[in-house]
């Protein structure tokens, strides 16, 4: 199940706000603040990637021959 459009848009908006906060923090805040903001940004980015990967695994599990996530060749034993 892919992320809904609403969630995707909200994550992109949040990512923009965090990038903005990170830009300001890099000039005037402690390095721990910059590190935490960077981790949050990374986790948002990984969320979409991981969700897509899980969708590919589900597709593969349902139909290995036609899924978009086919990683190995399947030989017919017939």
N, C-alpha and C. Protein backbone atom coordinates (compact mmCIF):
# COMPACT_ATOMS: atom_id res chain seq x y z
N UNK A 1 0.84 -1.16 0.00
CA UNK A 1 0.00 0.00 0.00
C UNK A 1 0.90 1.24 0.00
N UNK A 2 0.83 1.98 -1.05
CA UNK A 2 1.67 3.17 -1.17
C UNK A 2 1.18 4.26 -0.22
N UNK A 3 2.08 5.16 0.09
CA UNK A 3 1.70 6.29 0.92
C UNK A 3 0.66 7.12 0.18
N UNK A 4 -0.34 7.60 0.91
CA UNK A 4 -1.37 8.41 0.27
C UNK A 4 -0.79 9.74 -0.19
N UNK A 5 -1.50 10.37 -1.11
CA UNK A 5 -1.05 11.66 -1.63
C UNK A 5 -0.97 12.71 -0.54
N UNK A 6 -1.91 12.66 0.39
CA UNK A 6 -1.92 13.61 1.51
C UNK A 6 -0.67 13.46 2.37
N UNK A 7 -0.32 12.22 2.67
CA UNK A 7 0.87 11.95 3.48
C UNK A 7 2.12 12.39 2.74
N UNK A 8 2.19 12.05 1.45
CA UNK A 8 3.36 12.42 0.65
C UNK A 8 3.55 13.94 0.62
N UNK A 9 2.45 14.66 0.40
CA UNK A 9 2.53 16.13 0.37
C UNK A 9 2.94 16.68 1.73
N UNK A 10 2.38 16.13 2.79
CA UNK A 10 2.73 16.59 4.14
C UNK A 10 4.20 16.33 4.45
N UNK A 11 4.70 15.17 4.04
CA UNK A 11 6.11 14.87 4.27
C UNK A 11 7.02 15.82 3.49
N UNK A 12 6.64 16.15 2.26
CA UNK A 12 7.44 17.09 1.48
C UNK A 12 7.43 18.48 2.11
N UNK A 13 6.28 18.88 2.63
CA UNK A 13 6.18 20.17 3.31
C UNK A 13 7.04 20.17 4.58
N UNK A 14 6.94 19.09 5.35
CA UNK A 14 7.75 18.98 6.57
C UNK A 14 9.24 18.98 6.24
N UNK A 15 9.59 18.29 5.16
CA UNK A 15 10.99 18.25 4.74
C UNK A 15 11.49 19.65 4.41
N UNK A 16 10.66 20.44 3.75
CA UNK A 16 11.05 21.82 3.43
C UNK A 16 11.26 22.66 4.68
N UNK A 17 10.36 22.50 5.65
CA UNK A 17 10.50 23.25 6.91
C UNK A 17 11.75 22.83 7.67
N UNK A 18 12.02 21.55 7.69
CA UNK A 18 13.20 21.06 8.41
C UNK A 18 14.48 21.51 7.70
N UNK A 19 14.47 21.51 6.37
CA UNK A 19 15.63 22.02 5.64
C UNK A 19 15.89 23.49 5.99
N UNK A 20 14.81 24.25 6.08
CA UNK A 20 14.92 25.66 6.44
C UNK A 20 15.48 25.80 7.86
N UNK A 21 14.95 25.02 8.79
CA UNK A 21 15.45 25.05 10.17
C UNK A 21 16.92 24.63 10.22
N UNK A 22 17.27 23.64 9.43
CA UNK A 22 18.65 23.16 9.39
C UNK A 22 19.59 24.24 8.87
N UNK A 23 19.15 24.99 7.87
CA UNK A 23 19.98 26.07 7.33
C UNK A 23 20.25 27.13 8.39
N UNK A 24 19.23 27.50 9.13
CA UNK A 24 19.42 28.48 10.20
C UNK A 24 20.23 27.91 11.36
N UNK A 25 19.95 26.66 11.71
CA UNK A 25 20.64 26.02 12.84
C UNK A 25 22.13 25.86 12.56
N UNK A 26 22.47 25.63 11.31
CA UNK A 26 23.89 25.42 10.99
C UNK A 26 24.73 26.67 11.24
N UNK A 27 24.07 27.82 11.29
CA UNK A 27 24.80 29.08 11.52
C UNK A 27 24.83 29.50 12.97
N UNK A 28 23.86 29.05 13.77
CA UNK A 28 23.79 29.65 15.10
C UNK A 28 23.50 28.68 16.25
N UNK A 29 23.24 27.43 15.97
CA UNK A 29 22.88 26.49 17.04
C UNK A 29 24.01 25.51 17.33
N UNK A 30 23.82 24.76 18.40
CA UNK A 30 24.80 23.73 18.77
C UNK A 30 24.81 22.63 17.71
N UNK A 31 25.93 21.95 17.64
CA UNK A 31 26.05 20.88 16.65
C UNK A 31 25.08 19.74 16.91
N UNK A 32 24.69 19.53 18.16
CA UNK A 32 23.72 18.47 18.46
C UNK A 32 22.36 18.78 17.84
N UNK A 33 21.99 20.05 17.79
CA UNK A 33 20.73 20.45 17.16
C UNK A 33 20.78 20.18 15.66
N UNK A 34 21.90 20.51 15.04
CA UNK A 34 22.08 20.28 13.61
C UNK A 34 22.04 18.78 13.32
N UNK A 35 22.67 17.99 14.17
CA UNK A 35 22.69 16.54 13.99
C UNK A 35 21.29 15.95 14.06
N UNK A 36 20.51 16.38 15.04
CA UNK A 36 19.16 15.85 15.20
C UNK A 36 18.27 16.24 14.02
N UNK A 37 18.37 17.49 13.59
CA UNK A 37 17.59 17.92 12.42
C UNK A 37 17.98 17.13 11.18
N UNK A 38 19.26 16.85 11.03
CA UNK A 38 19.72 16.06 9.89
C UNK A 38 19.17 14.65 9.94
N UNK A 39 19.13 14.07 11.13
CA UNK A 39 18.58 12.72 11.27
C UNK A 39 17.10 12.68 10.95
N UNK A 40 16.37 13.69 11.40
CA UNK A 40 14.94 13.76 11.10
C UNK A 40 14.73 13.85 9.59
N UNK A 41 15.51 14.68 8.94
CA UNK A 41 15.41 14.84 7.49
C UNK A 41 15.72 13.52 6.78
N UNK A 42 16.72 12.83 7.25
CA UNK A 42 17.09 11.54 6.68
C UNK A 42 15.98 10.52 6.88
N UNK A 43 15.35 10.50 8.05
CA UNK A 43 14.28 9.55 8.32
C UNK A 43 13.06 9.81 7.44
N UNK A 44 12.74 11.07 7.20
CA UNK A 44 11.63 11.39 6.30
C UNK A 44 11.93 10.87 4.91
N UNK A 45 13.15 11.07 4.44
CA UNK A 45 13.55 10.59 3.13
C UNK A 45 13.49 9.07 3.06
N UNK A 46 13.95 8.42 4.10
CA UNK A 46 13.95 6.95 4.13
C UNK A 46 12.54 6.36 4.21
N UNK A 47 11.61 7.10 4.79
CA UNK A 47 10.24 6.62 4.91
C UNK A 47 9.63 6.33 3.55
N UNK A 48 9.74 7.26 2.62
CA UNK A 48 9.18 7.07 1.28
C UNK A 48 9.89 5.92 0.56
N UNK A 49 11.20 5.86 0.69
CA UNK A 49 11.97 4.79 0.04
C UNK A 49 11.58 3.43 0.60
N UNK A 50 11.48 3.33 1.91
CA UNK A 50 11.14 2.06 2.56
C UNK A 50 9.73 1.63 2.20
N UNK A 51 8.80 2.58 2.16
CA UNK A 51 7.43 2.24 1.79
C UNK A 51 7.37 1.69 0.37
N UNK A 52 8.11 2.31 -0.54
CA UNK A 52 8.15 1.83 -1.92
C UNK A 52 8.76 0.42 -1.98
N UNK A 53 9.81 0.20 -1.23
CA UNK A 53 10.45 -1.11 -1.19
C UNK A 53 9.49 -2.18 -0.66
N UNK A 54 8.75 -1.86 0.39
CA UNK A 54 7.78 -2.80 0.94
C UNK A 54 6.67 -3.10 -0.07
N UNK A 55 6.25 -2.08 -0.83
CA UNK A 55 5.26 -2.31 -1.90
C UNK A 55 5.81 -3.28 -2.94
N UNK A 56 7.06 -3.11 -3.29
CA UNK A 56 7.68 -4.01 -4.27
C UNK A 56 7.73 -5.45 -3.74
N UNK A 57 8.05 -5.61 -2.47
CA UNK A 57 8.09 -6.95 -1.87
C UNK A 57 6.71 -7.59 -1.85
N UNK A 58 5.68 -6.80 -1.53
CA UNK A 58 4.32 -7.32 -1.55
C UNK A 58 3.92 -7.74 -2.96
N UNK A 59 4.24 -6.91 -3.95
CA UNK A 59 3.94 -7.25 -5.34
C UNK A 59 4.65 -8.53 -5.74
N UNK A 60 5.88 -8.65 -5.35
CA UNK A 60 6.67 -9.83 -5.68
C UNK A 60 6.08 -11.08 -5.03
N UNK A 61 5.65 -10.94 -3.80
CA UNK A 61 5.08 -12.08 -3.07
C UNK A 61 3.79 -12.55 -3.75
N UNK A 62 2.98 -11.60 -4.23
CA UNK A 62 1.72 -11.94 -4.86
C UNK A 62 1.91 -12.56 -6.25
N UNK A 63 2.85 -12.01 -7.01
CA UNK A 63 3.07 -12.51 -8.36
C UNK A 63 4.52 -12.28 -8.77
N UNK A 64 5.39 -13.23 -8.51
CA UNK A 64 6.83 -13.05 -8.76
C UNK A 64 7.20 -12.80 -10.22
N UNK A 65 6.40 -13.29 -11.16
CA UNK A 65 6.79 -13.15 -12.56
C UNK A 65 6.45 -11.80 -13.16
N UNK A 66 5.46 -11.10 -12.62
CA UNK A 66 5.05 -9.84 -13.23
C UNK A 66 5.25 -8.63 -12.34
N UNK A 67 5.80 -8.83 -11.16
CA UNK A 67 5.95 -7.71 -10.24
C UNK A 67 7.05 -6.77 -10.72
N UNK A 68 6.93 -5.50 -10.32
CA UNK A 68 7.95 -4.51 -10.70
C UNK A 68 9.21 -4.68 -9.87
N UNK A 69 9.15 -5.48 -8.84
CA UNK A 69 10.30 -5.69 -7.98
C UNK A 69 10.97 -7.02 -8.20
N UNK A 70 10.94 -7.51 -9.43
CA UNK A 70 11.52 -8.83 -9.69
C UNK A 70 13.04 -8.73 -9.65
N UNK A 71 13.64 -9.43 -8.68
CA UNK A 71 15.09 -9.37 -8.49
C UNK A 71 15.81 -10.60 -9.00
N UNK A 72 15.07 -11.66 -9.26
CA UNK A 72 15.73 -12.88 -9.72
C UNK A 72 14.87 -13.51 -10.82
N UNK A 73 15.53 -14.28 -11.66
CA UNK A 73 14.81 -14.97 -12.71
C UNK A 73 14.12 -16.19 -12.11
N UNK A 74 12.89 -16.38 -12.52
CA UNK A 74 12.10 -17.53 -12.07
C UNK A 74 11.99 -18.48 -13.25
N UNK A 75 12.44 -19.69 -13.06
CA UNK A 75 12.35 -20.67 -14.12
C UNK A 75 11.12 -21.51 -13.93
N UNK A 76 10.42 -21.75 -15.04
CA UNK A 76 9.25 -22.63 -14.98
C UNK A 76 9.73 -24.07 -14.87
N UNK A 77 9.13 -24.82 -13.97
CA UNK A 77 9.52 -26.22 -13.81
C UNK A 77 8.59 -27.13 -14.60
N UNK A 78 7.68 -26.54 -15.39
CA UNK A 78 6.75 -27.35 -16.18
C UNK A 78 7.40 -27.92 -17.40
